[in-house]
Protein backbone atom coordinates (compact mmCIF):
# COMPACT_ATOMS: atom_id res chain seq x y z
CA MET A 1 -0.09 30.41 -6.70
CA GLY A 2 2.14 27.84 -4.83
CA ASP A 3 0.87 25.08 -2.65
CA SER A 4 -2.36 26.26 -0.11
CA ILE A 5 -2.52 26.23 3.22
CA LEU A 6 -5.43 26.84 5.75
CA ILE A 7 -5.73 28.98 8.74
CA ILE A 8 -7.83 27.87 11.52
CA ASP A 9 -7.78 30.35 14.03
CA ASP A 10 -10.04 31.89 16.50
CA ASN A 11 -8.30 35.17 16.95
CA GLU A 12 -8.35 37.26 13.78
CA GLU A 13 -4.95 38.98 14.49
CA ILE A 14 -3.08 35.92 14.22
CA ARG A 15 -5.29 35.03 11.14
CA GLU A 16 -4.63 38.11 9.11
CA ASN A 17 -1.14 38.17 9.86
CA THR A 18 -0.43 34.74 9.33
CA GLU A 19 -1.86 34.80 6.35
CA GLU A 20 -0.66 38.01 4.85
CA ILE A 21 3.32 36.48 5.52
CA LEU A 22 2.14 33.12 3.88
CA LYS A 23 0.36 35.70 0.56
CA LEU A 24 3.75 37.52 0.59
CA ALA A 25 6.25 34.14 0.27
CA GLY A 26 3.85 32.74 -2.03
CA TYR A 27 1.15 30.37 -0.85
CA ALA A 28 -2.44 30.49 -1.77
CA THR A 29 -4.36 30.65 1.85
CA TYR A 30 -7.68 29.91 2.96
CA LYS A 31 -9.24 30.87 6.78
CA ALA A 32 -11.18 30.14 9.01
CA CYS A 33 -11.97 31.27 12.86
CA ASN A 34 -13.35 27.24 14.17
CA GLY A 35 -12.65 23.77 13.47
CA LYS A 36 -16.08 23.49 12.53
CA GLU A 37 -15.54 26.03 9.73
CA GLY A 38 -12.26 24.85 8.87
CA LEU A 39 -13.80 22.03 7.94
CA GLU A 40 -16.32 23.07 5.93
CA ILE A 41 -13.84 24.19 3.72
CA ILE A 42 -11.40 21.46 3.52
CA HIS A 43 -14.42 19.56 2.12
CA LYS A 44 -14.61 22.34 -0.13
CA HIS A 45 -10.90 23.08 -1.16
CA THR A 46 -7.96 20.81 -0.50
CA PRO A 47 -5.13 22.32 1.00
CA ASN A 48 -1.41 21.03 1.32
CA LEU A 49 -0.85 22.23 4.81
CA ILE A 50 -3.29 22.97 8.11
CA LEU A 51 -2.04 25.58 10.85
CA CYS A 52 -4.29 25.17 13.40
CA ASP A 53 -4.75 26.36 17.01
CA ILE A 54 -5.41 24.53 19.81
CA VAL A 55 -8.35 25.73 21.38
CA MET A 56 -10.94 27.10 19.87
CA PRO A 57 -14.85 27.16 20.40
CA VAL A 58 -17.14 25.42 18.94
CA LEU A 59 -14.36 22.81 17.61
CA ASP A 60 -11.14 22.87 19.11
CA GLY A 61 -8.09 21.92 17.08
CA TYR A 62 -7.80 18.31 17.97
CA GLY A 63 -11.33 17.73 16.76
CA VAL A 64 -10.09 18.62 13.41
CA LEU A 65 -7.42 16.39 13.33
CA ARG A 66 -9.64 12.89 14.39
CA ALA A 67 -12.15 14.70 12.04
CA LEU A 68 -9.39 14.84 9.63
CA GLU A 69 -8.69 10.74 9.92
CA ASN A 70 -12.84 10.13 8.11
CA ILE A 71 -11.58 12.37 4.94
CA PRO A 72 -9.46 10.22 2.23
CA CYS A 73 -8.09 13.40 0.05
CA MET A 74 -6.26 14.56 2.97
CA THR A 75 -4.19 11.39 4.27
CA GLY A 76 -0.64 12.39 4.91
CA VAL A 77 -1.71 16.22 4.04
CA PRO A 78 0.85 17.96 6.97
CA PHE A 79 -0.49 19.07 10.26
CA ILE A 80 0.62 22.07 12.26
CA PHE A 81 -0.59 23.38 15.98
CA MET A 82 -0.24 26.59 16.70
CA THR A 83 -0.81 27.13 20.00
CA ALA A 84 0.01 29.34 23.30
CA ASN A 85 0.25 26.67 25.48
CA ALA A 86 3.74 24.64 25.08
CA GLU A 87 3.31 22.33 27.56
CA ILE A 88 4.58 18.49 27.47
CA ASN A 89 1.13 17.65 27.77
CA ASP A 90 -0.65 19.54 24.89
CA LEU A 91 2.93 18.16 22.61
CA LYS A 92 2.22 14.74 23.41
CA LYS A 93 -1.43 14.61 22.79
CA GLY A 94 -0.57 16.33 19.79
CA ILE A 95 1.89 13.86 18.48
CA ASP A 96 -0.42 10.78 19.32
CA LEU A 97 -2.89 11.99 17.14
CA GLY A 98 -0.88 12.84 14.49
CA ALA A 99 0.35 16.13 14.00
CA ASP A 100 3.35 16.87 12.38
CA GLY A 101 4.87 19.43 14.66
CA TYR A 102 4.20 22.70 16.60
CA LEU A 103 4.18 26.62 16.48
CA THR A 104 4.46 28.08 19.81
CA LYS A 105 2.77 31.78 19.29
CA PRO A 106 4.10 34.38 19.44
CA PHE A 107 6.48 33.23 16.59
CA ASN A 108 7.90 35.36 13.89
CA GLY A 109 8.10 35.43 10.10
CA ASP A 110 10.96 33.42 9.66
CA GLU A 111 9.74 30.54 12.02
CA LEU A 112 6.50 30.34 10.06
CA LEU A 113 7.78 30.11 6.70
CA GLY A 114 10.44 28.02 7.89
CA THR A 115 8.41 25.44 9.14
CA VAL A 116 5.59 25.80 6.44
CA SER A 117 8.14 24.47 4.14
CA SER A 118 10.11 21.94 5.37
CA ARG A 119 7.09 20.29 5.80
CA LEU A 120 5.55 20.88 2.08
CA ARG A 121 8.96 19.35 1.00
CA LYS A 122 8.48 16.27 2.90
CA TYR A 123 4.99 16.01 1.77
CA ASN A 124 4.92 16.52 -1.60
CA LEU A 125 8.47 14.03 -1.56
CA ILE A 126 5.36 11.45 0.25
CA LYS A 127 3.13 12.04 -2.11
CA LYS A 128 4.98 12.15 -5.57
CA THR A 129 6.44 8.70 -4.07
CA PHE A 130 3.34 6.95 -2.62
CA GLY A 131 0.53 8.50 -4.20
CA LYS A 132 -2.90 7.37 -5.31
CA LYS A 133 -2.13 5.93 -8.91
CA PRO A 134 0.80 3.20 -8.46
CA ASP A 135 2.66 4.94 -11.70
CA SER A 136 3.07 7.65 -9.61
CA LEU A 137 5.43 5.21 -8.16
CA ASN A 138 7.32 5.14 -10.97
CA GLU A 139 7.65 8.50 -11.15
CA LEU A 140 10.11 8.59 -9.08
CA ILE A 141 11.79 6.08 -9.78
CA SER A 142 12.75 7.59 -13.78
CA GLU A 143 14.00 10.32 -11.60
CA ASN A 144 16.18 8.49 -9.50
CA ASN A 145 17.77 5.60 -11.32
CA SER A 146 21.30 6.09 -10.40
CA SER A 147 19.61 4.34 -7.43
CA LYS A 148 19.86 0.48 -7.68
CA GLU A 149 17.98 0.08 -4.84
CA ILE A 150 14.82 1.72 -5.62
CA GLY A 151 14.89 1.69 -9.52
CA VAL A 152 14.18 -2.25 -9.25
CA LEU A 153 10.77 -1.21 -8.06
CA SER A 154 9.63 -0.45 -11.29
CA GLU A 155 11.59 -3.69 -12.48
CA ARG A 156 10.11 -6.02 -10.28
CA ARG A 157 6.53 -4.70 -9.17
CA ASN A 158 3.31 -7.32 -10.50
CA VAL A 159 0.28 -6.25 -10.36
CA LYS A 160 -2.41 -9.44 -9.20
CA LYS A 161 -6.08 -9.27 -10.10
CA ILE A 162 -7.79 -11.33 -7.53
CA LYS A 163 -11.31 -13.19 -7.09
CA LYS A 164 -13.65 -11.89 -4.55
CA LYS A 165 -13.79 -14.06 -1.50
CA GLU A 166 -9.55 -15.44 -2.06
CA LEU A 167 -7.43 -15.46 0.21
CA ILE A 168 -4.19 -13.23 -0.22
CA PHE A 169 -2.05 -15.13 2.67
CA ILE A 170 -3.35 -16.62 5.33
CA GLU A 171 -1.69 -16.50 9.77
CA GLY A 172 1.66 -18.16 9.59
CA ASP A 173 2.81 -17.75 5.94
CA PHE A 174 5.92 -15.40 5.13
CA SER A 175 6.12 -12.14 4.47
CA ASN A 176 7.22 -11.38 0.63
CA PHE A 177 5.50 -8.50 -0.48
CA LEU A 178 3.86 -4.93 0.11
CA TYR A 179 0.40 -4.82 -1.22
CA PHE A 180 -0.67 -1.78 -3.01
CA ILE A 181 -4.59 -1.71 -3.72
CA THR A 182 -5.28 0.09 -6.97
CA SER A 183 -8.93 -1.28 -7.08
CA GLY A 184 -11.48 -3.25 -5.03
CA LYS A 185 -11.16 -4.08 -0.66
CA VAL A 186 -9.35 -6.29 1.39
CA LYS A 187 -10.50 -7.43 4.78
CA ILE A 188 -7.49 -8.45 7.36
CA PHE A 189 -9.15 -10.67 9.97
CA LYS A 190 -7.92 -13.64 12.46
CA THR A 191 -9.41 -17.09 12.94
CA ASN A 192 -9.39 -18.79 16.60
CA GLU A 193 -8.74 -22.03 17.33
CA PHE A 194 -13.00 -22.58 16.74
CA GLY A 195 -12.84 -21.20 13.80
CA LYS A 196 -14.48 -18.15 14.22
CA GLU A 197 -12.91 -14.87 12.06
CA TYR A 198 -12.40 -11.69 13.47
CA ILE A 199 -11.83 -8.28 11.71
CA ILE A 200 -9.22 -6.64 12.32
CA SER A 201 -9.26 -3.66 9.56
CA ILE A 202 -10.57 -3.50 6.20
CA HIS A 203 -8.47 -1.64 3.28
CA LYS A 204 -9.84 0.28 0.08
CA THR A 205 -8.02 1.65 -3.34
CA GLY A 206 -4.83 3.41 -2.29
CA ASP A 207 -4.30 1.73 0.85
CA PHE A 208 -0.75 0.00 1.65
CA PHE A 209 -1.01 -3.59 3.90
CA GLY A 210 1.46 -6.53 4.69
CA TYR A 211 3.75 -3.94 5.89
CA HIS A 212 3.44 -5.14 9.95
CA ALA A 213 5.45 -8.50 8.81
CA LEU A 214 7.66 -7.21 6.75
CA MET A 215 8.85 -4.35 9.42
CA GLU A 216 8.87 -7.08 11.97
CA GLU A 217 9.87 -10.98 11.68
CA GLY A 218 8.37 -11.64 8.65
CA ILE A 219 5.79 -13.93 9.67
CA HIS A 220 2.12 -12.65 8.82
CA ARG A 221 0.03 -12.66 12.36
CA GLU A 222 -3.45 -12.30 10.37
CA SER A 223 -4.92 -13.68 6.97
CA ALA A 224 -5.92 -11.01 3.77
CA MET A 225 -8.81 -11.78 1.75
CA THR A 226 -10.69 -9.54 -0.72
CA ILE A 227 -13.96 -8.55 -0.36
CA GLU A 228 -14.82 -7.72 -3.62
CA CYS A 229 -12.91 -8.26 -6.81
CA THR A 230 -9.72 -6.32 -6.48
CA GLU A 231 -6.31 -5.98 -7.95
CA LEU A 232 -3.05 -5.61 -5.85
CA ALA A 233 0.68 -4.13 -7.42
CA LEU A 234 2.58 -5.83 -5.37
CA VAL A 235 6.52 -4.66 -4.17
CA PRO A 236 8.68 -7.53 -3.48
CA ARG A 237 9.88 -7.62 0.10
CA GLN A 238 13.81 -6.55 -0.15
CA ASP A 239 12.19 -3.58 -2.40
CA PHE A 240 11.06 -2.78 0.16
CA LEU A 241 13.05 -2.71 2.77
CA HIS A 242 15.78 -1.36 0.50
CA LEU A 243 13.42 1.68 0.03
CA LEU A 244 13.05 1.82 3.61
CA GLN A 245 16.88 1.84 4.41
CA SER A 246 17.06 4.32 1.10
CA ASN A 247 14.50 7.36 2.35
CA ASN A 248 13.73 8.46 5.84
CA GLU A 249 10.80 10.38 4.61
CA ILE A 250 9.02 6.65 3.35
CA ALA A 251 10.49 5.31 6.54
CA LEU A 252 9.12 7.76 8.85
CA LYS A 253 5.74 7.16 7.06
CA PHE A 254 5.04 3.98 7.27
CA ILE A 255 6.57 3.68 11.33
CA ARG A 256 3.67 6.16 11.83
CA THR A 257 0.88 4.43 9.84
CA LEU A 258 2.32 1.12 11.79
CA SER A 259 1.92 3.23 15.15
CA HIS A 260 -1.47 4.43 14.01
CA SER A 261 -2.91 1.33 13.18
CA PHE A 262 -2.03 0.49 16.96
CA VAL A 263 -3.63 3.24 18.61
CA GLU A 264 -6.67 2.00 16.63
CA ALA A 265 -6.52 -1.51 16.93
CA GLU A 266 -6.40 -0.65 21.15
CA GLU A 267 -9.29 1.50 20.61
CA ARG A 268 -11.48 -1.39 18.99
CA LEU A 269 -10.11 -3.83 21.42
CA LEU A 270 -11.67 -1.72 24.61
CA LYS A 271 -14.73 -0.94 22.90
CA LEU A 272 -15.37 -4.82 22.24
CA ALA A 273 -14.70 -5.04 26.14
CA TYR A 274 -17.44 -2.25 27.34
CA ASP A 275 -19.51 -1.44 24.76
CA SER A 276 -23.04 -3.57 24.49
CA ALA A 277 -23.40 -5.29 21.52
CA ARG A 278 -25.67 -2.94 20.20
CA LYS A 279 -23.44 -0.25 19.89
CA ARG A 280 -20.44 -2.59 18.39
CA VAL A 281 -23.35 -3.33 16.11
CA ALA A 282 -23.65 0.24 15.40
CA GLU A 283 -19.69 0.31 15.24
CA ALA A 284 -19.30 -2.10 12.80
CA ILE A 285 -21.56 -0.51 10.74
CA ILE A 286 -19.82 2.84 10.92
CA PHE A 287 -16.38 1.36 10.10
CA VAL A 288 -17.59 -0.03 7.23
CA SER A 289 -19.05 2.85 5.79
CA LYS A 290 -15.90 5.12 6.11
CA LYS A 291 -14.25 2.07 4.24
CA TYR A 292 -17.07 2.10 1.21
CA LEU A 293 -18.28 5.90 1.52
CA ASP A 294 -16.22 8.92 0.90
CA ASP A 295 -16.66 12.20 3.46
CA ARG A 296 -19.83 10.00 5.18
CA GLU A 297 -21.86 10.22 2.05
CA THR A 298 -24.63 8.55 3.59
CA ASN A 299 -27.10 8.80 0.94
CA LEU A 300 -25.31 5.63 -0.69
CA SER A 301 -25.91 2.18 0.39
CA PHE A 302 -23.20 -0.47 0.63
CA VAL A 303 -22.67 -4.27 1.27
CA LEU A 304 -22.13 -5.79 4.99
CA ASN A 305 -23.61 -8.93 5.45
CA ARG A 306 -24.40 -10.49 9.29
CA GLU A 307 -20.79 -12.73 8.75
CA ASN A 308 -18.90 -9.75 8.49
CA ILE A 309 -20.52 -7.61 11.01
CA SER A 310 -20.30 -10.44 13.21
CA ALA A 311 -16.75 -11.09 12.94
CA LEU A 312 -15.68 -7.30 13.56
CA SER A 313 -17.97 -6.54 16.53
CA GLY A 314 -17.06 -10.20 18.11
CA ILE A 315 -20.79 -11.00 18.85
CA SER A 316 -23.09 -14.15 16.70
CA PRO A 317 -24.55 -13.15 13.65
CA GLU A 318 -27.82 -14.17 15.25
CA SER A 319 -27.66 -11.46 17.92
CA VAL A 320 -26.31 -9.33 14.78
CA SER A 321 -29.93 -9.89 13.00
CA ARG A 322 -31.29 -8.75 16.41
CA ASN A 323 -29.58 -5.69 16.43
CA LEU A 324 -29.37 -4.42 13.08
CA THR A 325 -33.52 -5.03 12.91
CA ASP A 326 -34.01 -2.65 16.22
CA LEU A 327 -31.28 0.07 14.22
CA LYS A 328 -33.97 -0.72 11.14
CA GLU A 329 -37.13 -0.03 13.13
CA GLU A 330 -35.35 3.55 15.10
CA GLY A 331 -34.94 4.65 11.23
CA LEU A 332 -30.51 5.00 11.76
CA ILE A 333 -29.97 2.76 8.87
CA GLU A 334 -32.14 1.03 5.95
CA THR A 335 -31.37 -2.76 5.22
CA ALA A 336 -32.19 -4.73 1.20
CA ASN A 337 -30.55 -7.41 0.31
CA GLY A 338 -27.44 -7.36 1.94
CA ASN A 339 -27.41 -3.73 1.11
CA ILE A 340 -27.03 -1.07 4.37
CA ARG A 341 -27.90 2.85 4.25
CA ILE A 342 -27.13 4.97 7.21
CA ILE A 343 -29.99 7.06 7.24
CA ASP A 344 -28.99 9.27 10.70
CA PHE A 345 -25.02 8.97 10.75
CA LYS A 346 -24.83 11.65 13.73
CA ARG A 347 -27.65 9.58 15.65
CA LEU A 348 -25.92 6.19 14.89
CA GLU A 349 -22.12 7.86 15.65
CA MET A 350 -23.93 9.22 19.13
CA LEU A 351 -25.21 5.60 19.85
CA LYS A 352 -25.16 4.59 23.73
CA ASN A 353 -24.39 2.15 25.71
């Protein structure tokens, strides 16, 4: 059986007809009648592509797409909306959220298979090129030895082991490498004139970072430091730029990643401006938990000291301590020796200002 496809639609006839066409073409299929049921299937299986209706009960298509951001194994999986309402606003909202395409109902078998096969070809190429293990990059390179621009990546990429709390680069440094985390975690932060730190993002195993500077003028606008012992694969600047010029699919992937990071940063700035200190501490805990825990495994704990919460939430360490105590007394979290365990993820996420 070939690639697997998840069909999410509240219309039974559309689900059955779509499944029949895909099965005849050799695809494995899963079906769900709403977004909630679709996410349950995703947690049990890992489809290679998702076809999803927009307007559905319980959880709509936009909700499904947002939820996928918190499921690491679904990163990059093609997401195609199926809609009978192909208005400009719907199209724009879907693309802004990261959808890979649209099918307008009613669609025929040729349209369905053409869209599915083209998205899967692109996805499989990107997955093969930039998988979770750096060796997957070498696999593509070995198949393209005729390309000098791509071939040098396997010859010149260095792997570096870095201790906990060690700087990788600082604001103003010239950008020399694209960084790929083979193990560990890294925080990206800025520091103001008084030395106060603000954490912009946290990256974990399987993430790239440092591409903002590479794709702009070449100067880092922020600093990077390891949170724990970390191993990095370093791709030289020129080799990365050559790869972007040689492979349109890879260029598209990084452009979309860059765009998504700007949207995420904008949303966090709005929360800093309008959320209460209590809400901002809760948001910081949720943000970091998604970097440490897969699929919201809230039975596990993770390390998060008050200084890092302060740098994420933009409030003083003293205020962080008070709010952590409040959240603990409310039964939302537990704390012990710098470890935090979320007791009630849903209540913490829905915490009001």
